[in-house]
Amino acid sequence: MELNQVRFRGGLEFRHISSGMQVINEVMLEDYVAGILGREIYPDWHPETLKAQAVVARTYALHQRAESRGQPFHVEAGTGSQVYGGVAAETTAIRAAVSATRGEFVAYGRKPILAVYHSASGGRTASSEEVWGRPLPYLVSLEVDDEQDSPDTYWRATISKTKLGRALDSLGIRIGSPRELKVVDRSRSGRALRVQIRGSKGNQHLEARALRVALGESLIRSTLFEIRSTQDGFVFVGSGHGHGVGMSQWGAQSMAMRGLTYRAIIQNFYPGTSLAKGTPQ
């Protein structure tokens, strides 16, 4: 099938909704996984990294399918779920990784886990509890070695007072011109949980994740940051990219380059789980 010059496997369903037209691609699971990998990870990475990502992406899809029973679709095609590219995202190496792991998923209590992942952890992953307030035994904070090849090992972003003010306005925060911004609470993995903003008309505490979204997640790449004040604004100095929960993709690549198999990589990032195959319970 083809839509807007993009090819998809399976069939397309068109649904009228209040905001316009909803297009749903009904696709076989293994084809969906192949369409994910080329958009979520570098397709020329180590074969064991690609296999680990294939299993994790398949597991996430199975988990969301179980959570979305009765809904018109199970996952979104963008960053709200997993970025899906259809046939154009497939390569020979990706199809090989999908085929080599066909049907495998990560299980806890015989059910597919919430297999979340991120680009780089900045040296330590975050637990699901500290990020989303939901403790899960297989999503705990873990040290991650050798992520230094990641372009996000260290990053910095300069935010003007005007840009910060606009971000606060979008959040409904009215405290006048921003004068001071600092982290006041951190999680066990070192990530900022809350920040305090002092303005010309008052002070406000704010969740660091909400501030990151308002400023732009591609600019403030993680909540593992410190804030420095300048005359014109603020400089965020940080490490890692993404929410930090689950598998670090750059960490997985480093492990594969050191000779670890995809099974060992998965066991490392999701402790207490097992690999299963077939139809999940």
Protein backbone atom coordinates (compact mmCIF):
# COMPACT_ATOMS: atom_id res chain seq x y z
CA MET A 1 0.00 0.00 0.00
CA GLU A 2 1.10 3.59 -0.62
CA LEU A 3 -0.01 6.87 0.95
CA ASN A 4 1.55 10.26 0.21
CA GLN A 5 4.36 8.47 -1.66
CA VAL A 6 5.17 6.37 1.44
CA ARG A 7 4.85 2.59 1.11
CA PHE A 8 3.35 0.49 3.89
CA ARG A 9 2.87 -3.21 4.30
CA GLY A 10 -0.57 -4.53 5.22
CA GLY A 11 -3.75 -2.54 4.70
CA LEU A 12 -4.93 1.00 5.37
CA GLU A 13 -8.16 1.92 7.13
CA PHE A 14 -9.63 5.42 6.87
CA ARG A 15 -11.84 6.70 9.66
CA HIS A 16 -13.72 10.00 9.89
CA ILE A 17 -13.12 11.74 13.22
CA SER A 18 -14.09 15.18 14.52
CA SER A 19 -10.74 16.72 13.57
CA GLY A 20 -10.64 15.20 10.08
CA MET A 21 -9.42 11.85 8.78
CA GLN A 22 -7.68 9.14 10.77
CA VAL A 23 -5.52 6.68 8.81
CA ILE A 24 -4.72 3.34 10.44
CA ASN A 25 -2.19 0.88 9.04
CA GLU A 26 -3.15 -2.69 9.93
CA VAL A 27 0.10 -4.62 9.66
CA MET A 28 1.59 -7.91 10.76
CA LEU A 29 3.69 -7.64 13.91
CA GLU A 30 7.04 -8.59 12.35
CA ASP A 31 6.55 -6.11 9.50
CA TYR A 32 5.71 -3.43 12.06
CA VAL A 33 8.93 -4.16 13.96
CA ALA A 34 10.96 -3.90 10.75
CA GLY A 35 9.35 -0.54 10.04
CA ILE A 36 10.31 0.67 13.52
CA LEU A 37 14.01 -0.19 13.68
CA GLY A 38 15.21 2.07 10.88
CA ARG A 39 13.55 5.06 12.54
CA GLU A 40 14.42 4.30 16.16
CA ILE A 41 18.07 3.20 15.86
CA TYR A 42 21.03 3.48 13.49
CA PRO A 43 20.53 0.68 10.92
CA ASP A 44 24.29 0.15 10.52
CA TRP A 45 24.86 -0.61 14.21
CA HIS A 46 26.10 -3.96 15.51
CA PRO A 47 23.81 -6.90 14.63
CA GLU A 48 23.35 -7.76 18.32
CA THR A 49 22.21 -4.20 19.04
CA LEU A 50 19.69 -4.44 16.21
CA LYS A 51 18.43 -7.75 17.57
CA ALA A 52 18.04 -6.28 21.06
CA GLN A 53 16.11 -3.34 19.63
CA ALA A 54 13.91 -5.68 17.58
CA VAL A 55 12.95 -7.67 20.68
CA VAL A 56 12.33 -4.53 22.71
CA ALA A 57 10.26 -2.87 19.97
CA ARG A 58 8.20 -6.05 19.53
CA THR A 59 7.67 -6.28 23.28
CA TYR A 60 6.52 -2.67 23.51
CA ALA A 61 4.02 -3.27 20.70
CA LEU A 62 2.64 -6.41 22.37
CA HIS A 63 2.33 -4.60 25.70
CA GLN A 64 0.48 -1.69 24.10
CA ARG A 65 -1.78 -4.03 22.14
CA ALA A 66 -2.87 -5.65 25.40
CA GLU A 67 -3.38 -2.23 27.01
CA SER A 68 -5.42 -0.92 24.04
CA ARG A 69 -7.93 -3.72 23.56
CA GLY A 70 -11.14 -2.42 22.04
CA GLN A 71 -9.49 0.72 20.70
CA PRO A 72 -9.32 1.52 16.96
CA PHE A 73 -5.50 1.25 17.02
CA HIS A 74 -2.82 -0.04 19.38
CA VAL A 75 0.15 2.31 18.87
CA GLU A 76 0.81 5.69 17.32
CA ALA A 77 3.24 6.10 14.43
CA GLY A 78 5.27 8.89 16.06
CA THR A 79 7.23 9.60 19.21
CA GLY A 80 4.11 9.09 21.34
CA SER A 81 4.73 5.36 20.84
CA GLN A 82 7.46 4.28 18.42
CA VAL A 83 8.42 6.08 15.21
CA TYR A 84 7.17 3.98 12.30
CA GLY A 85 8.57 4.40 8.79
CA GLY A 86 6.96 1.64 6.78
CA VAL A 87 8.87 -0.07 3.97
CA ALA A 88 11.27 2.86 3.54
CA ALA A 89 12.69 2.23 7.03
CA GLU A 90 13.69 -1.35 6.23
CA THR A 91 17.20 -2.49 5.32
CA THR A 92 18.75 -5.91 4.80
CA ALA A 93 20.39 -5.76 8.25
CA ILE A 94 17.12 -4.76 9.89
CA ARG A 95 15.13 -7.54 8.24
CA ALA A 96 17.86 -9.98 9.35
CA ALA A 97 17.58 -8.81 12.98
CA VAL A 98 13.80 -9.12 12.92
CA SER A 99 13.99 -12.58 11.36
CA ALA A 100 16.65 -13.79 13.84
CA THR A 101 14.45 -12.82 16.80
CA ARG A 102 11.07 -13.61 15.27
CA GLY A 103 8.37 -13.95 17.93
CA GLU A 104 10.66 -13.19 20.89
CA PHE A 105 9.57 -10.74 23.57
CA VAL A 106 10.65 -9.69 27.04
CA ALA A 107 8.38 -11.15 29.72
CA TYR A 108 7.73 -10.60 33.40
CA GLY A 109 5.17 -12.93 34.92
CA ARG A 110 4.74 -14.43 31.43
CA LYS A 111 3.42 -11.14 30.06
CA PRO A 112 5.13 -8.59 27.76
CA ILE A 113 6.75 -5.84 29.79
CA LEU A 114 6.53 -2.11 29.28
CA ALA A 115 9.72 -2.17 27.22
CA VAL A 116 10.65 1.50 27.11
CA TYR A 117 14.03 2.72 25.90
CA HIS A 118 15.95 5.92 25.20
CA SER A 119 18.97 7.15 23.30
CA ALA A 120 21.56 7.67 26.05
CA SER A 121 21.36 7.59 29.84
CA GLY A 122 24.21 9.91 30.77
CA GLY A 123 25.84 7.16 32.84
CA ARG A 124 22.84 5.90 34.81
CA THR A 125 19.30 4.98 33.81
CA ALA A 126 16.28 6.29 35.68
CA SER A 127 13.63 4.16 37.35
CA SER A 128 10.05 4.25 36.13
CA GLU A 129 9.02 5.42 39.60
CA GLU A 130 11.15 8.56 39.57
CA VAL A 131 10.05 9.55 36.06
CA TRP A 132 6.40 8.47 35.91
CA GLY A 133 5.57 7.70 39.53
CA ARG A 134 4.91 4.07 38.66
CA PRO A 135 7.32 1.55 40.21
CA LEU A 136 7.99 -1.50 38.05
CA PRO A 137 10.45 -4.18 39.24
CA TYR A 138 12.23 -4.41 35.88
CA LEU A 139 12.56 -0.64 35.31
CA VAL A 140 15.05 0.36 37.97
CA SER A 141 18.03 2.71 37.98
CA LEU A 142 21.22 1.07 36.69
CA GLU A 143 24.75 2.21 35.89
CA VAL A 144 25.62 2.30 32.18
CA ASP A 145 29.23 2.14 31.01
CA ASP A 146 30.91 3.42 27.85
CA GLU A 147 28.34 5.72 26.33
CA GLN A 148 31.00 8.26 25.40
CA ASP A 149 30.48 7.71 21.67
CA SER A 150 27.02 9.21 21.99
CA PRO A 151 26.77 12.79 20.69
CA ASP A 152 24.67 13.50 23.80
CA THR A 153 27.20 12.38 26.40
CA TYR A 154 27.63 16.08 27.15
CA TRP A 155 25.45 18.85 25.83
CA ARG A 156 24.61 22.45 26.60
CA ALA A 157 21.74 24.72 25.64
CA THR A 158 21.50 28.48 26.05
CA ILE A 159 18.02 29.75 26.89
CA SER A 160 17.27 33.47 26.81
CA LYS A 161 15.02 35.04 29.41
CA THR A 162 12.56 35.80 26.62
CA LYS A 163 12.42 32.16 25.49
CA LEU A 164 12.00 30.97 29.06
CA GLY A 165 9.21 33.48 29.59
CA ARG A 166 7.37 32.21 26.52
CA ALA A 167 7.75 28.61 27.71
CA LEU A 168 6.31 29.55 31.10
CA ASP A 169 3.42 31.36 29.43
CA SER A 170 2.60 28.17 27.50
CA LEU A 171 2.36 26.39 30.86
CA GLY A 172 0.09 29.05 32.30
CA ILE A 173 2.75 30.36 34.68
CA ARG A 174 2.65 34.14 35.14
CA ILE A 175 5.50 35.40 37.30
CA GLY A 176 6.76 38.30 35.21
CA SER A 177 10.26 38.46 33.79
CA PRO A 178 12.38 35.42 34.81
CA ARG A 179 15.31 36.35 37.05
CA GLU A 180 16.48 33.11 38.60
CA LEU A 181 16.17 29.44 37.70
CA LYS A 182 17.56 26.57 39.76
CA VAL A 183 17.08 22.85 40.45
CA VAL A 184 15.61 22.28 43.90
CA ASP A 185 14.94 18.53 43.87
CA ARG A 186 16.67 15.59 42.19
CA SER A 187 15.88 11.91 41.76
CA ARG A 188 18.08 9.05 42.91
CA SER A 189 19.66 8.86 39.44
CA GLY A 190 20.59 12.55 39.63
CA ARG A 191 17.91 13.86 37.28
CA ALA A 192 16.17 17.14 38.01
CA LEU A 193 12.70 16.58 39.44
CA ARG A 194 11.68 20.13 40.27
CA VAL A 195 13.00 23.57 39.45
CA GLN A 196 12.29 26.92 41.08
CA ILE A 197 11.74 29.99 38.95
CA ARG A 198 11.97 33.43 40.49
CA GLY A 199 10.38 36.21 38.48
CA SER A 200 9.73 39.91 38.84
CA LYS A 201 6.19 39.15 40.04
CA GLY A 202 6.62 36.03 42.11
CA ASN A 203 8.12 32.56 42.45
CA GLN A 204 6.99 29.19 41.14
CA HIS A 205 8.02 25.55 41.48
CA LEU A 206 7.70 23.41 38.37
CA GLU A 207 8.33 19.80 37.36
CA ALA A 208 11.57 19.59 35.39
CA ARG A 209 9.95 17.29 32.82
CA ALA A 210 7.25 19.87 32.10
CA LEU A 211 9.87 22.58 31.65
CA ARG A 212 11.85 20.35 29.30
CA VAL A 213 8.78 19.75 27.12
CA ALA A 214 7.92 23.45 27.08
CA LEU A 215 11.44 24.47 26.06
CA GLY A 216 11.75 21.64 23.51
CA GLU A 217 12.92 18.08 24.08
CA SER A 218 15.42 18.27 21.23
CA LEU A 219 17.01 21.31 22.90
CA ILE A 220 16.87 20.17 26.54
CA ARG A 221 17.78 16.59 25.74
CA SER A 222 17.20 15.10 29.18
CA THR A 223 16.47 16.13 32.76
CA LEU A 224 19.99 15.15 33.80
CA PHE A 225 21.14 18.77 33.81
CA GLU A 226 22.50 21.66 35.84
CA ILE A 227 21.56 25.30 35.27
CA ARG A 228 23.94 28.23 35.15
CA SER A 229 22.83 31.85 35.06
CA THR A 230 24.23 34.39 32.61
CA GLN A 231 23.53 38.06 32.11
CA ASP A 232 21.09 37.35 29.29
CA GLY A 233 19.57 34.06 30.37
CA PHE A 234 20.41 30.56 31.46
CA VAL A 235 22.69 27.75 30.28
CA PHE A 236 21.58 24.13 30.71
CA VAL A 237 24.56 21.77 30.94
CA GLY A 238 23.51 18.14 30.74
CA SER A 239 24.13 14.56 29.74
CA GLY A 240 22.10 11.88 28.00
CA HIS A 241 19.08 12.04 25.72
CA GLY A 242 15.54 10.93 26.49
CA HIS A 243 13.58 10.00 29.61
CA GLY A 244 16.35 7.65 30.74
CA VAL A 245 14.13 4.67 31.60
CA GLY A 246 14.82 1.14 30.33
CA MET A 247 17.38 0.35 27.64
CA SER A 248 19.98 2.90 26.66
CA GLN A 249 20.54 2.42 22.94
CA TRP A 250 24.08 3.78 23.06
CA GLY A 251 24.73 1.62 26.09
CA ALA A 252 23.41 -1.41 24.19
CA GLN A 253 25.67 -0.62 21.26
CA SER A 254 28.68 -0.40 23.56
CA MET A 255 27.81 -3.76 25.11
CA ALA A 256 27.44 -5.37 21.68
CA MET A 257 30.80 -3.97 20.60
CA ARG A 258 32.32 -5.61 23.69
CA GLY A 259 30.96 -8.99 22.58
CA LEU A 260 27.71 -9.31 24.53
CA THR A 261 24.71 -10.96 22.88
CA TYR A 262 21.32 -9.33 22.51
CA ARG A 263 19.99 -11.64 25.22
CA ALA A 264 22.65 -10.40 27.68
CA ILE A 265 21.92 -6.79 26.73
CA ILE A 266 18.22 -7.22 27.42
CA GLN A 267 18.82 -9.01 30.72
CA ASN A 268 21.07 -6.14 31.80
CA PHE A 269 18.58 -3.36 31.14
CA TYR A 270 15.44 -5.22 32.27
CA PRO A 271 16.54 -7.21 35.35
CA GLY A 272 14.31 -10.01 36.55
CA THR A 273 12.75 -10.57 33.14
CA SER A 274 13.01 -13.50 30.76
CA LEU A 275 12.81 -13.96 27.00
CA ALA A 276 9.69 -15.68 25.77
CA LYS A 277 8.50 -16.71 22.34
CA GLY A 278 5.13 -17.24 20.78
CA THR A 279 1.74 -15.91 21.80
CA PRO A 280 1.92 -13.97 25.09
CA GLN A 281 -0.52 -14.80 27.87
